[in-house]
Protein backbone atom coordinates (compact mmCIF):
# COMPACT_ATOMS: atom_id res chain seq x y z
CA MET A 1 -0.01 0.04 0.09
CA ARG A 2 1.36 3.31 -1.03
CA ALA A 3 1.70 6.16 1.68
CA SER A 4 -0.37 9.24 1.35
CA PRO A 5 1.40 12.44 0.37
CA LEU A 6 1.05 13.66 3.99
CA ALA A 7 2.68 10.51 5.34
CA ARG A 8 5.50 10.72 2.69
CA THR A 9 6.17 14.28 3.69
CA LEU A 10 6.42 13.30 7.41
CA LEU A 11 8.70 10.43 6.62
CA ALA A 12 10.94 12.75 4.49
CA TRP A 13 11.10 15.17 7.42
CA ARG A 14 11.95 12.29 9.91
CA SER A 15 14.69 11.08 7.56
CA THR A 16 16.40 14.47 7.17
CA TYR A 17 16.14 15.32 10.76
CA ARG A 18 17.65 11.92 11.86
CA ARG A 19 20.50 12.41 9.48
CA ARG A 20 21.24 15.89 10.94
CA ARG A 21 21.13 14.54 14.49
CA ILE A 22 23.50 11.66 13.63
CA ILE A 23 26.00 14.06 11.94
CA ASP A 24 25.74 16.51 14.94
CA ASP A 25 26.00 13.95 17.65
CA THR A 26 28.76 11.73 16.27
CA PRO A 27 32.32 13.08 17.17
CA THR A 28 35.13 13.02 14.83
CA SER A 29 37.68 10.22 15.43
CA ARG A 30 41.27 9.79 14.51
CA ILE A 31 41.92 6.54 12.56
CA VAL A 32 44.71 5.39 14.74
CA SER A 33 42.65 5.45 17.94
CA ALA A 34 39.11 5.05 16.63
CA ALA A 35 36.96 2.60 18.32
CA GLN A 36 35.51 -0.43 16.52
CA GLY A 37 31.93 0.49 15.40
CA TYR A 38 30.15 3.44 14.20
CA VAL A 39 32.51 6.47 13.77
CA GLU A 40 32.97 9.81 11.90
CA LEU A 41 36.28 10.33 10.05
CA LEU A 42 37.68 13.37 8.24
CA GLY A 43 40.71 13.27 6.08
CA SER A 44 42.32 13.41 2.62
CA GLY A 45 41.14 11.10 -0.13
CA LYS A 46 43.91 8.99 -1.88
CA PRO A 47 43.57 6.50 -4.58
CA LEU A 48 43.81 2.84 -3.75
CA ASP A 49 46.37 2.16 -6.49
CA TYR A 50 48.17 3.80 -9.29
CA PRO A 51 47.23 4.57 -12.07
CA PRO A 52 44.02 5.86 -10.33
CA LEU A 53 40.58 5.32 -11.31
CA LEU A 54 39.34 7.44 -14.25
CA SER A 55 35.85 8.91 -14.37
CA GLN A 56 33.58 7.26 -16.93
CA GLN A 57 32.79 10.37 -19.11
CA HIS A 58 35.65 12.89 -18.68
CA GLN A 59 38.45 10.17 -18.00
CA PHE A 60 39.66 12.28 -15.09
CA PRO A 61 41.60 10.75 -12.19
CA CYS A 62 39.35 10.50 -9.28
CA LEU A 63 38.36 8.47 -6.20
CA TRP A 64 34.68 7.69 -7.21
CA TYR A 65 32.26 8.62 -9.87
CA ARG A 66 28.59 8.63 -10.94
CA TYR A 67 27.33 9.20 -14.49
CA LEU A 68 24.08 9.71 -16.34
CA VAL A 69 23.50 9.91 -20.04
CA GLU A 70 20.25 11.12 -21.34
CA GLU A 71 18.87 11.44 -24.90
CA ARG A 72 16.34 14.09 -26.08
CA THR A 73 13.25 12.46 -27.52
CA ASP A 74 11.06 13.83 -30.27
CA GLY A 75 8.59 15.10 -27.43
CA ASN A 76 11.53 17.20 -26.12
CA LYS A 77 11.88 15.08 -23.04
CA TRP A 78 15.05 13.48 -21.67
CA HIS A 79 15.15 9.74 -21.71
CA THR A 80 17.85 7.89 -19.71
CA VAL A 81 20.30 5.97 -21.97
CA SER A 82 22.78 4.71 -19.47
CA LYS A 83 23.94 5.49 -15.96
CA GLY A 84 26.17 3.92 -13.37
CA GLU A 85 28.90 4.53 -10.72
CA SER A 86 32.26 3.12 -9.73
CA GLU A 87 32.60 0.46 -7.08
CA ILE A 88 36.38 0.76 -6.35
CA ALA A 89 37.41 1.56 -2.72
CA PHE A 90 39.73 4.32 -1.94
CA ILE A 91 41.80 5.42 1.01
CA LEU A 92 41.22 8.06 3.58
CA ASP A 93 44.35 9.57 5.33
CA ASP A 94 43.97 11.85 8.38
CA GLY A 95 47.62 12.05 9.30
CA SER A 96 47.40 9.55 12.11
CA SER A 97 46.93 6.51 9.77
CA ARG A 98 45.05 5.39 6.70
CA CYS A 99 41.70 3.69 6.29
CA LEU A 100 40.24 1.78 3.18
CA ILE A 101 36.86 3.30 2.24
CA ASP A 102 34.37 0.74 0.80
CA VAL A 103 31.94 2.87 -1.32
CA GLU A 104 29.26 0.08 -1.78
CA GLY A 105 25.95 1.12 -0.06
CA ALA A 106 27.15 4.51 0.66
CA GLU A 107 25.08 7.72 0.36
CA ILE A 108 27.59 10.03 -1.50
CA LEU A 109 27.33 13.86 -1.56
CA THR A 110 29.69 15.79 -3.71
CA ARG A 111 30.27 19.27 -4.74
CA HIS A 112 31.88 18.26 -8.06
CA LYS A 113 29.17 17.95 -10.62
CA SER A 114 29.34 18.82 -14.45
CA THR A 115 26.61 18.61 -17.02
CA TRP A 116 27.01 19.12 -20.84
CA THR A 117 25.33 18.28 -24.06
CA GLU A 118 26.71 16.43 -27.14
CA GLY A 119 24.10 16.56 -29.86
CA ARG A 120 20.86 14.81 -28.73
CA PHE A 121 22.62 13.75 -25.50
CA ARG A 122 22.91 15.32 -22.22
CA LYS A 123 25.62 14.03 -19.94
CA THR A 124 26.03 14.45 -16.15
CA GLU A 125 28.90 13.30 -14.01
CA TRP A 126 29.57 13.51 -10.21
CA THR A 127 33.07 12.78 -8.84
CA LEU A 128 35.01 12.66 -5.52
CA ASN A 129 38.50 13.94 -6.52
CA ILE A 130 41.99 12.85 -5.45
CA ASP A 131 43.09 14.88 -2.33
CA ASP A 132 39.60 16.17 -1.61
CA GLU A 133 38.95 16.40 2.15
CA ILE A 134 36.52 13.51 2.67
CA TYR A 135 33.91 13.25 5.50
CA ALA A 136 32.94 9.70 6.29
CA LEU A 137 30.37 8.31 8.52
CA GLY A 138 30.01 4.58 8.77
CA GLU A 139 31.16 1.30 10.50
CA PHE A 140 34.89 1.03 11.36
CA ILE A 141 36.61 -2.32 11.42
CA THR A 142 40.23 -2.99 12.03
CA LEU A 143 41.57 -6.32 10.61
CA GLY A 144 44.86 -7.00 12.21
CA GLY A 145 47.16 -9.57 10.91
CA SER A 146 47.08 -11.74 14.23
CA ARG A 147 43.21 -11.75 13.96
CA LEU A 148 43.02 -13.11 10.49
CA GLU A 149 41.39 -16.53 9.91
CA LEU A 150 43.77 -18.23 7.43
CA ASP A 151 43.05 -21.70 5.85
CA ALA A 152 46.45 -23.33 5.12
CA ASN A 153 44.90 -26.38 3.44
CA HIS A 154 42.87 -24.23 1.08
CA ASP A 155 45.75 -21.97 0.29
CA VAL A 156 48.03 -24.95 -0.38
CA ASN A 157 45.60 -26.51 -2.80
CA ALA A 158 45.14 -23.06 -4.57
CA LEU A 159 48.80 -22.74 -4.90
CA LEU A 160 49.32 -26.24 -6.31
CA ALA A 161 46.44 -25.56 -8.79
CA GLU A 162 48.27 -22.46 -10.02
CA TRP A 163 51.61 -24.40 -10.41
CA LYS A 164 49.63 -27.07 -12.44
CA ARG A 165 48.45 -24.47 -14.86
CA ASP A 166 52.07 -23.61 -15.77
CA GLN A 167 53.18 -27.17 -16.71
CA PRO A 168 56.58 -26.20 -18.10
CA GLY A 169 57.33 -24.24 -14.93
CA LEU A 170 56.11 -27.27 -12.85
CA LEU A 171 58.26 -29.77 -14.66
CA LYS A 172 61.37 -27.50 -14.57
CA ARG A 173 61.01 -27.21 -10.81
CA PHE A 174 59.84 -30.67 -9.63
CA ASP A 175 60.59 -33.16 -12.59
CA LEU A 176 63.77 -34.52 -10.86
CA ASP A 177 64.21 -37.51 -13.06
CA GLY A 178 63.60 -35.55 -16.21
CA ASP A 179 60.97 -38.01 -17.68
CA GLY A 180 58.61 -35.23 -18.67
CA SER A 181 56.01 -36.06 -16.10
CA ILE A 182 55.45 -35.51 -12.33
CA SER A 183 55.64 -38.83 -10.37
CA MET A 184 53.90 -39.42 -7.06
CA LYS A 185 57.04 -38.85 -5.02
CA GLU A 186 57.76 -35.64 -7.05
CA TRP A 187 54.23 -34.45 -6.37
CA MET A 188 54.70 -35.02 -2.68
CA LEU A 189 57.75 -32.84 -2.95
CA ALA A 190 55.74 -30.19 -4.66
CA ARG A 191 53.00 -30.39 -1.85
CA GLN A 192 55.77 -30.00 0.71
CA ALA A 193 57.24 -26.89 -1.08
CA ALA A 194 53.62 -25.48 -1.34
CA ARG A 195 53.20 -25.91 2.36
CA ARG A 196 56.41 -24.06 3.15
CA GLU A 197 55.51 -21.13 0.74
CA VAL A 198 52.09 -20.84 2.20
CA ALA A 199 53.46 -20.98 5.82
CA LYS A 200 55.95 -18.32 5.01
CA LEU A 201 53.12 -16.13 3.30
CA HIS A 202 50.84 -16.59 6.43
CA ARG A 203 53.63 -15.36 8.72
CA GLU A 204 54.20 -12.41 6.70
CA VAL A 205 50.37 -11.62 6.62
CA ARG A 206 50.07 -12.02 10.34
CA ASN A 207 52.99 -9.63 10.84
CA ASP A 208 51.51 -6.90 8.68
CA ALA A 209 50.27 -3.76 10.19
CA ASP A 210 46.55 -3.49 10.95
CA LEU A 211 44.10 -2.76 8.14
CA HIS A 212 41.50 -0.16 8.96
CA THR A 213 38.30 -0.15 6.91
CA LEU A 214 35.00 1.66 6.67
CA ARG A 215 32.02 0.05 5.34
CA CYS A 216 28.25 0.20 5.24
CA PRO A 217 26.91 -0.54 8.69
CA THR A 218 25.07 -4.04 8.85
CA ASN A 219 22.35 -2.62 11.04
CA GLY A 220 21.10 -0.06 8.61
CA GLN A 221 22.67 3.09 10.16
CA LEU A 222 23.48 5.92 7.81
CA TYR A 223 26.63 5.21 5.71
CA LEU A 224 27.65 8.65 4.22
CA LEU A 225 30.75 9.85 2.18
CA SER A 226 31.10 13.49 1.11
CA ASN A 227 33.64 16.21 0.12
CA ILE A 228 31.42 18.65 1.74
CA GLY A 229 32.27 19.50 5.36
CA PRO A 230 29.85 18.01 8.15
CA GLU A 231 28.74 21.60 9.24
CA ARG A 232 27.43 22.31 5.68
CA ILE A 233 25.86 19.00 5.40
CA SER A 234 24.16 19.35 8.74
CA ARG A 235 22.69 22.83 7.76
CA ARG A 236 21.53 21.39 4.48
CA TYR A 237 19.65 18.58 6.27
CA LEU A 238 18.27 21.26 8.67
CA TRP A 239 16.86 23.36 5.98
CA TRP A 240 15.32 20.26 4.23
CA SER A 241 13.69 19.18 7.48
CA ILE A 242 12.17 22.54 8.02
CA PHE A 243 10.90 22.49 4.32
CA HIS A 244 9.35 19.10 4.72
CA LEU A 245 7.81 20.05 8.04
CA SER A 246 6.44 23.23 6.65
CA VAL A 247 4.91 21.42 3.73
CA PHE A 248 3.28 18.87 6.13
CA PHE A 249 1.63 21.57 8.30
CA VAL A 250 0.56 23.60 5.34
CA SER A 251 -0.93 20.48 3.80
CA LEU A 252 -2.65 19.54 7.10
CA GLY A 253 -4.10 23.06 7.37
CA ALA A 254 -5.49 22.82 3.87
CA LEU A 255 -7.37 19.55 4.61
CA PRO A 256 -10.58 21.21 5.82
CA TRP A 257 -10.88 23.34 2.91
CA ILE A 258 -10.21 20.52 0.48
CA TRP A 259 -12.80 18.35 2.36
CA HIS A 260 -15.34 21.08 2.29
CA ASN A 261 -15.03 21.79 -1.46
CA ALA A 262 -15.01 18.00 -2.21
CA VAL A 263 -18.30 17.53 -0.56
């Protein structure tokens, strides 16, 4: 059942008011000392790897993009041809440490938007750019090497499967009698070598520094990423909540008049 216009307006007010309260009530944490759970972070956005991600339309180096391509119809209306957004994570650096930002499920607000036309097509692109100051609100999780659950048997089998795909390399390394095939004894030696390599890799992984990540909360809390400061976002949500509440009361006051004229 669809909600009435009054109910939708009230729900919109509640949503924007709730967002503002979350932003105002959540203190900014430093990555190096942030508690596990729901946090607010503020830092410089860096690409996860080089070369960095390129925006879909402008091919401009960025952290994230969303695009929309529309075509003008014969009725002078715009019809969506294609749209999409990037799904590659990026890094947030606040000077104390670095955090991997997962963009999946995030509500993203950006001040970088460009719109242009090419013939019958109108193109719009939104981006978060490299070195933007990024405001992030989400679930903070630290994955330390010592906390990782590693499956040695699985990794040994995966490594052996990789070696088997390279038959010349496998023979060169383990065909000790030179007969062009891997005997049972030689295969056991290969398994032992794989176990040693996996054990060494697991030791290195466990000794690695902690990996901080920010992701969409599993309990439905707001997950927000933006290159707009929290104060401006809070004011934006404040004005939207006032607008929705005003529309609600104006509509509520007009109900007797509407009812009177309807009957």
